[in-house]
């Protein structure tokens, strides 16, 4: 939602109404921007908003005149070329962590395998955020990273289970490995749990490669 150029924050009535609507729609998330903020992002170029904040995607406007600018095509081409490099480097890191997780699993070093799987997830979530926001987040918390990244790519939600409560439990299990595998001599993780995590994360990585590659191609 982008406010008009003379309004700097959403009214309580508008905000409450939209947030109430979003409560009944699992896949809806609302973000508010002032006109100035969005205008600046579109002028500088932003992979996500420059691609989707366009006249043909506008479902409602308070005035007949569409007032948002569109990012010049040459600028968008530069952004997409840079994004392709970011995707390549980020996915290569994620695949390296994945290979490490598999190697440790085969050696029976389950704690280290779990840590590497945490790194795979963190790298994938951080890649998405960096791709669309321009900088990598300074966090290792998978739940927070997944929430932030999921706004841009809903495909990375519900990696382990369609039920949110169970999804959070699997993410928390991975989060424990981030500290436990390195500093807690008593840390353990069940091999069957690790195998399940490995399977789901491997599927997610393959899906992410497909989705990001397709998105860059479609945007061109």
Protein backbone atom coordinates (compact mmCIF):
# COMPACT_ATOMS: atom_id res chain seq x y z
CA UNK A 1 0.00 0.00 0.00
CA UNK A 2 1.43 3.38 -1.05
CA UNK A 3 -0.05 6.51 0.51
CA UNK A 4 -0.73 9.55 -1.65
CA UNK A 5 1.93 12.25 -1.80
CA UNK A 6 0.23 14.47 0.79
CA UNK A 7 -0.20 11.75 3.41
CA UNK A 8 2.69 10.43 5.51
CA UNK A 9 1.03 7.67 7.48
CA UNK A 10 -2.00 5.45 7.09
CA UNK A 11 -5.06 6.52 9.04
CA UNK A 12 -6.10 4.24 11.89
CA UNK A 13 -9.33 3.43 10.06
CA UNK A 14 -7.53 2.37 6.88
CA UNK A 15 -4.83 0.44 8.74
CA UNK A 16 -7.29 -1.41 10.97
CA UNK A 17 -9.55 -2.29 8.05
CA UNK A 18 -6.74 -3.71 5.92
CA UNK A 19 -5.14 -5.58 8.80
CA UNK A 20 -8.53 -7.08 9.67
CA UNK A 21 -8.92 -8.28 6.07
CA UNK A 22 -5.42 -9.75 6.13
CA UNK A 23 -6.23 -11.81 9.23
CA UNK A 24 -8.63 -13.96 7.24
CA UNK A 25 -6.20 -14.39 4.34
CA UNK A 26 -3.21 -16.57 5.21
CA UNK A 27 -1.13 -15.46 2.24
CA UNK A 28 -1.66 -11.71 2.54
CA UNK A 29 0.87 -9.41 4.16
CA UNK A 30 0.46 -5.64 4.08
CA UNK A 31 3.33 -3.16 3.96
CA UNK A 32 2.81 0.58 4.04
CA UNK A 33 5.01 3.12 2.25
CA UNK A 34 4.85 6.86 2.02
CA UNK A 35 4.71 8.22 -1.51
CA UNK A 36 8.19 9.73 -1.08
CA UNK A 37 9.75 6.46 0.04
CA UNK A 38 8.30 4.48 -2.85
CA UNK A 39 9.12 7.22 -5.36
CA UNK A 40 12.75 7.13 -4.19
CA UNK A 41 12.95 3.32 -4.46
CA UNK A 42 11.51 3.37 -7.97
CA UNK A 43 13.81 6.19 -9.06
CA UNK A 44 16.90 4.36 -7.78
CA UNK A 45 15.62 0.98 -8.90
CA UNK A 46 14.56 -1.96 -6.76
CA UNK A 47 14.28 -5.50 -8.14
CA UNK A 48 11.01 -6.26 -6.38
CA UNK A 49 9.14 -2.94 -6.35
CA UNK A 50 10.35 -1.77 -9.75
CA UNK A 51 8.99 -5.00 -11.22
CA UNK A 52 5.63 -5.06 -9.44
CA UNK A 53 4.73 -1.45 -8.54
CA UNK A 54 3.53 -0.63 -12.03
CA UNK A 55 0.31 0.75 -13.44
CA UNK A 56 -0.93 -2.66 -14.66
CA UNK A 57 -0.60 -4.13 -11.16
CA UNK A 58 -2.48 -1.33 -9.38
CA UNK A 59 -5.81 -2.65 -8.08
CA UNK A 60 -7.05 0.58 -6.49
CA UNK A 61 -6.11 4.27 -6.49
CA UNK A 62 -7.83 7.18 -4.78
CA UNK A 63 -7.45 9.48 -7.78
CA UNK A 64 -7.89 8.79 -11.51
CA UNK A 65 -4.31 9.85 -12.24
CA UNK A 66 -1.68 7.16 -11.61
CA UNK A 67 1.16 9.09 -9.99
CA UNK A 68 3.95 6.60 -9.29
CA UNK A 69 6.92 6.71 -11.63
CA UNK A 70 8.27 3.61 -13.35
CA UNK A 71 11.92 2.66 -13.19
CA UNK A 72 13.65 3.24 -16.56
CA UNK A 73 14.25 0.07 -18.56
CA UNK A 74 18.03 0.60 -18.71
CA UNK A 75 18.19 0.85 -14.91
CA UNK A 76 16.10 -2.29 -14.51
CA UNK A 77 18.43 -4.16 -16.87
CA UNK A 78 21.42 -3.16 -14.71
CA UNK A 79 19.63 -4.30 -11.56
CA UNK A 80 18.70 -7.65 -13.07
CA UNK A 81 22.23 -8.29 -14.32
CA UNK A 82 23.60 -7.56 -10.85
CA UNK A 83 20.86 -9.69 -9.28
CA UNK A 84 21.90 -12.67 -11.42
CA UNK A 85 25.40 -12.44 -9.92
CA UNK A 86 24.02 -12.15 -6.39
CA UNK A 87 21.84 -15.23 -6.98
CA UNK A 88 24.75 -17.25 -8.39
CA UNK A 89 27.11 -16.42 -5.50
CA UNK A 90 24.43 -16.97 -2.85
CA UNK A 91 23.30 -20.31 -4.23
CA UNK A 92 26.88 -21.53 -4.55
CA UNK A 93 27.41 -20.82 -0.84
CA UNK A 94 24.18 -22.59 0.06
CA UNK A 95 25.15 -25.64 -2.04
CA UNK A 96 28.58 -25.75 -0.35
CA UNK A 97 26.95 -25.83 3.09
CA UNK A 98 24.56 -28.52 1.83
CA UNK A 99 27.46 -30.67 0.63
CA UNK A 100 29.13 -30.24 4.01
CA UNK A 101 25.95 -31.28 5.81
CA UNK A 102 25.68 -34.44 3.72
CA UNK A 103 29.34 -35.33 4.23
CA UNK A 104 29.10 -34.94 8.01
CA UNK A 105 25.88 -36.97 8.05
CA UNK A 106 27.58 -39.87 6.23
CA UNK A 107 30.42 -39.72 8.76
CA UNK A 108 27.96 -39.91 11.64
CA UNK A 109 28.83 -36.39 12.82
CA UNK A 110 25.21 -35.43 13.27
CA UNK A 111 25.79 -32.31 15.35
CA UNK A 112 28.01 -30.74 12.69
CA UNK A 113 25.62 -31.85 9.96
CA UNK A 114 22.78 -30.04 11.75
CA UNK A 115 24.89 -26.90 12.04
CA UNK A 116 25.62 -26.96 8.32
CA UNK A 117 21.91 -27.37 7.56
CA UNK A 118 21.23 -24.29 9.67
CA UNK A 119 23.76 -22.47 7.49
CA UNK A 120 22.03 -23.66 4.31
CA UNK A 121 18.71 -22.23 5.51
CA UNK A 122 20.27 -19.02 6.77
CA UNK A 123 22.07 -18.52 3.47
CA UNK A 124 18.92 -19.09 1.41
CA UNK A 125 16.79 -16.73 3.50
CA UNK A 126 19.52 -14.08 3.58
CA UNK A 127 20.01 -14.35 -0.17
CA UNK A 128 16.35 -13.57 -0.83
CA UNK A 129 16.40 -10.58 1.53
CA UNK A 130 19.66 -9.25 0.09
CA UNK A 131 18.35 -9.69 -3.43
CA UNK A 132 15.24 -7.60 -2.86
CA UNK A 133 16.35 -5.19 -0.12
CA UNK A 134 19.90 -4.57 -1.32
CA UNK A 135 21.74 -5.71 1.80
CA UNK A 136 22.11 -8.89 3.82
CA UNK A 137 20.34 -9.01 7.20
CA UNK A 138 22.43 -9.10 10.38
CA UNK A 139 20.64 -12.01 12.00
CA UNK A 140 21.04 -15.76 12.44
CA UNK A 141 17.46 -16.31 13.66
CA UNK A 142 15.81 -18.57 11.11
CA UNK A 143 12.24 -17.78 12.14
CA UNK A 144 12.77 -14.05 11.65
CA UNK A 145 14.71 -14.53 8.43
CA UNK A 146 12.05 -16.82 6.97
CA UNK A 147 9.31 -14.31 7.78
CA UNK A 148 11.22 -11.46 6.11
CA UNK A 149 12.18 -13.51 3.05
CA UNK A 150 8.70 -15.01 2.72
CA UNK A 151 7.23 -11.62 1.85
CA UNK A 152 9.21 -11.64 -1.40
CA UNK A 153 9.08 -15.37 -2.15
CA UNK A 154 6.15 -17.17 -0.48
CA UNK A 155 7.56 -20.45 -1.83
CA UNK A 156 10.02 -20.56 1.08
CA UNK A 157 7.25 -20.65 3.69
CA UNK A 158 6.19 -24.00 5.17
CA UNK A 159 9.37 -25.83 4.29
CA UNK A 160 8.91 -28.64 6.78
CA UNK A 161 5.17 -28.74 7.47
CA UNK A 162 2.00 -27.01 6.28
CA UNK A 163 0.99 -26.41 9.92
CA UNK A 164 2.65 -23.27 11.25
CA UNK A 165 3.16 -24.68 14.75
CA UNK A 166 5.04 -27.70 13.40
CA UNK A 167 7.01 -25.54 10.97
CA UNK A 168 8.21 -23.42 13.89
CA UNK A 169 9.26 -26.51 15.84
CA UNK A 170 11.47 -27.70 12.97
CA UNK A 171 12.99 -24.25 12.61
CA UNK A 172 13.64 -24.14 16.34
CA UNK A 173 15.32 -27.55 16.13
CA UNK A 174 17.65 -26.18 13.46
CA UNK A 175 18.21 -23.01 15.47
CA UNK A 176 19.42 -25.06 18.43
CA UNK A 177 22.16 -26.47 16.22
CA UNK A 178 23.60 -23.01 15.57
CA UNK A 179 24.80 -22.74 19.18
CA UNK A 180 24.60 -26.32 20.40
CA UNK A 181 26.81 -27.91 17.73
CA UNK A 182 29.64 -25.50 18.51
CA UNK A 183 29.49 -24.77 22.22
CA UNK A 184 27.39 -27.43 23.96
CA UNK A 185 29.21 -30.73 24.51
CA UNK A 186 25.89 -32.34 25.43
CA UNK A 187 24.08 -31.26 22.29
CA UNK A 188 22.52 -34.09 20.27
CA UNK A 189 20.03 -34.45 17.45
CA UNK A 190 18.23 -37.62 16.38
CA UNK A 191 19.49 -39.02 13.04
CA UNK A 192 15.92 -39.49 11.79
CA UNK A 193 15.15 -35.83 12.50
CA UNK A 194 18.32 -34.82 10.72
CA UNK A 195 17.46 -36.98 7.70
CA UNK A 196 14.04 -35.33 7.48
CA UNK A 197 15.57 -31.85 7.68
CA UNK A 198 18.12 -32.80 5.03
CA UNK A 199 15.42 -34.02 2.64
CA UNK A 200 13.23 -30.93 3.04
CA UNK A 201 16.09 -28.44 2.81
CA UNK A 202 17.47 -30.15 -0.27
CA UNK A 203 14.03 -29.87 -1.92
CA UNK A 204 13.83 -26.20 -0.92
CA UNK A 205 17.25 -25.42 -2.38
CA UNK A 206 16.33 -27.05 -5.69
CA UNK A 207 13.03 -25.16 -5.70
CA UNK A 208 14.77 -21.88 -4.93
CA UNK A 209 17.21 -22.35 -7.80
CA UNK A 210 14.25 -22.89 -10.12
CA UNK A 211 12.14 -19.98 -8.82
CA UNK A 212 14.92 -17.38 -8.77
CA UNK A 213 16.19 -18.33 -12.20
CA UNK A 214 12.66 -18.17 -13.59
CA UNK A 215 11.94 -14.83 -11.94
CA UNK A 216 15.02 -13.17 -13.41
CA UNK A 217 14.08 -14.53 -16.86
CA UNK A 218 10.45 -13.39 -16.56
CA UNK A 219 11.44 -9.92 -15.44
CA UNK A 220 13.59 -9.36 -18.52
